[in-house]
Amino acid sequence: MVSIPLNEENKHNLLIGVIMVILAVLFLLYMGSSMVRSTKAFWEEGNIERLLE
């Protein structure tokens, strides 16, 4: 196993990487929730029948 010394630059890059991963996960959860909500509203309004006519 290779050990990497944690100097200030590596700590900074690690922190930025962790923050970016957290933001990406939150964004995906938000988009998924929004898609589920809009799809549910679409089906409840009966829009599919209008599209098929």
C-alpha atoms as a PDB file:
ATOM      1  CA  MET A   1       0.000   0.000   0.000  1.00  0.00           C
ATOM      2  CA  VAL A   2       1.249   3.464  -0.866  1.00  0.00           C
ATOM      3  CA  SER A   3       1.154   6.108   1.830  1.00  0.00           C
ATOM      4  CA  ILE A   4       0.584   9.705   0.773  1.00  0.00           C
ATOM      5  CA  PRO A   5       1.805  12.412   3.121  1.00  0.00           C
ATOM      6  CA  LEU A   6      -1.012  14.820   3.974  1.00  0.00           C
ATOM      7  CA  ASN A   7       0.399  18.278   3.489  1.00  0.00           C
ATOM      8  CA  GLU A   8      -1.742  21.412   3.321  1.00  0.00           C
ATOM      9  CA  GLU A   9      -2.434  21.142  -0.431  1.00  0.00           C
ATOM     10  CA  ASN A  10      -3.570  17.516  -0.160  1.00  0.00           C
ATOM     11  CA  LYS A  11      -5.857  18.361   2.772  1.00  0.00           C
ATOM     12  CA  HIS A  12      -7.360  21.216   0.781  1.00  0.00           C
ATOM     13  CA  ASN A  13      -7.929  18.989  -2.273  1.00  0.00           C
ATOM     14  CA  LEU A  14      -9.475  16.266  -0.091  1.00  0.00           C
ATOM     15  CA  LEU A  15     -11.846  18.782   1.516  1.00  0.00           C
ATOM     16  CA  ILE A  16     -12.915  20.160  -1.874  1.00  0.00           C
ATOM     17  CA  GLY A  17     -13.452  16.605  -3.167  1.00  0.00           C
ATOM     18  CA  VAL A  18     -15.618  15.648  -0.195  1.00  0.00           C
ATOM     19  CA  ILE A  19     -17.700  18.820  -0.524  1.00  0.00           C
ATOM     20  CA  MET A  20     -18.194  18.187  -4.263  1.00  0.00           C
ATOM     21  CA  VAL A  21     -19.334  14.606  -3.608  1.00  0.00           C
ATOM     22  CA  ILE A  22     -21.814  15.777  -0.959  1.00  0.00           C
ATOM     23  CA  LEU A  23     -23.204  18.443  -3.315  1.00  0.00           C
ATOM     24  CA  ALA A  24     -23.523  15.913  -6.142  1.00  0.00           C
ATOM     25  CA  VAL A  25     -25.438  13.479  -3.922  1.00  0.00           C
ATOM     26  CA  LEU A  26     -27.764  16.232  -2.664  1.00  0.00           C
ATOM     27  CA  PHE A  27     -28.377  17.395  -6.252  1.00  0.00           C
ATOM     28  CA  LEU A  28     -29.226  13.863  -7.400  1.00  0.00           C
ATOM     29  CA  LEU A  29     -31.594  13.354  -4.464  1.00  0.00           C
ATOM     30  CA  TYR A  30     -33.301  16.686  -5.200  1.00  0.00           C
ATOM     31  CA  MET A  31     -33.677  15.914  -8.910  1.00  0.00           C
ATOM     32  CA  GLY A  32     -34.988  12.422  -8.179  1.00  0.00           C
ATOM     33  CA  SER A  33     -37.510  13.775  -5.702  1.00  0.00           C
ATOM     34  CA  SER A  34     -38.627  16.428  -8.177  1.00  0.00           C
ATOM     35  CA  MET A  35     -39.034  13.847 -10.950  1.00  0.00           C
ATOM     36  CA  VAL A  36     -41.103  11.577  -8.724  1.00  0.00           C
ATOM     37  CA  ARG A  37     -43.302  14.477  -7.616  1.00  0.00           C
ATOM     38  CA  SER A  38     -43.922  15.743 -11.150  1.00  0.00           C
ATOM     39  CA  THR A  39     -44.588  12.244 -12.501  1.00  0.00           C
ATOM     40  CA  LYS A  40     -47.058  11.580  -9.704  1.00  0.00           C
ATOM     41  CA  ALA A  41     -48.858  14.874 -10.428  1.00  0.00           C
ATOM     42  CA  PHE A  42     -48.912  14.049 -14.144  1.00  0.00           C
ATOM     43  CA  TRP A  43     -50.556  10.663 -13.567  1.00  0.00           C
ATOM     44  CA  GLU A  44     -53.031  12.025 -10.996  1.00  0.00           C
ATOM     45  CA  GLU A  45     -54.267  14.741 -13.363  1.00  0.00           C
ATOM     46  CA  GLY A  46     -55.062  12.214 -16.054  1.00  0.00           C
ATOM     47  CA  ASN A  47     -52.887  13.943 -18.633  1.00  0.00           C
ATOM     48  CA  ILE A  48     -52.068  10.637 -20.274  1.00  0.00           C
ATOM     49  CA  GLU A  49     -55.637  10.259 -21.531  1.00  0.00           C
ATOM     50  CA  ARG A  50     -55.431  13.678 -23.210  1.00  0.00           C
ATOM     51  CA  LEU A  51     -52.136  12.767 -24.848  1.00  0.00           C
ATOM     52  CA  LEU A  52     -53.524   9.509 -26.204  1.00  0.00           C
ATOM     53  CA  GLU A  53     -56.570  11.138 -27.816  1.00  0.00           C
END
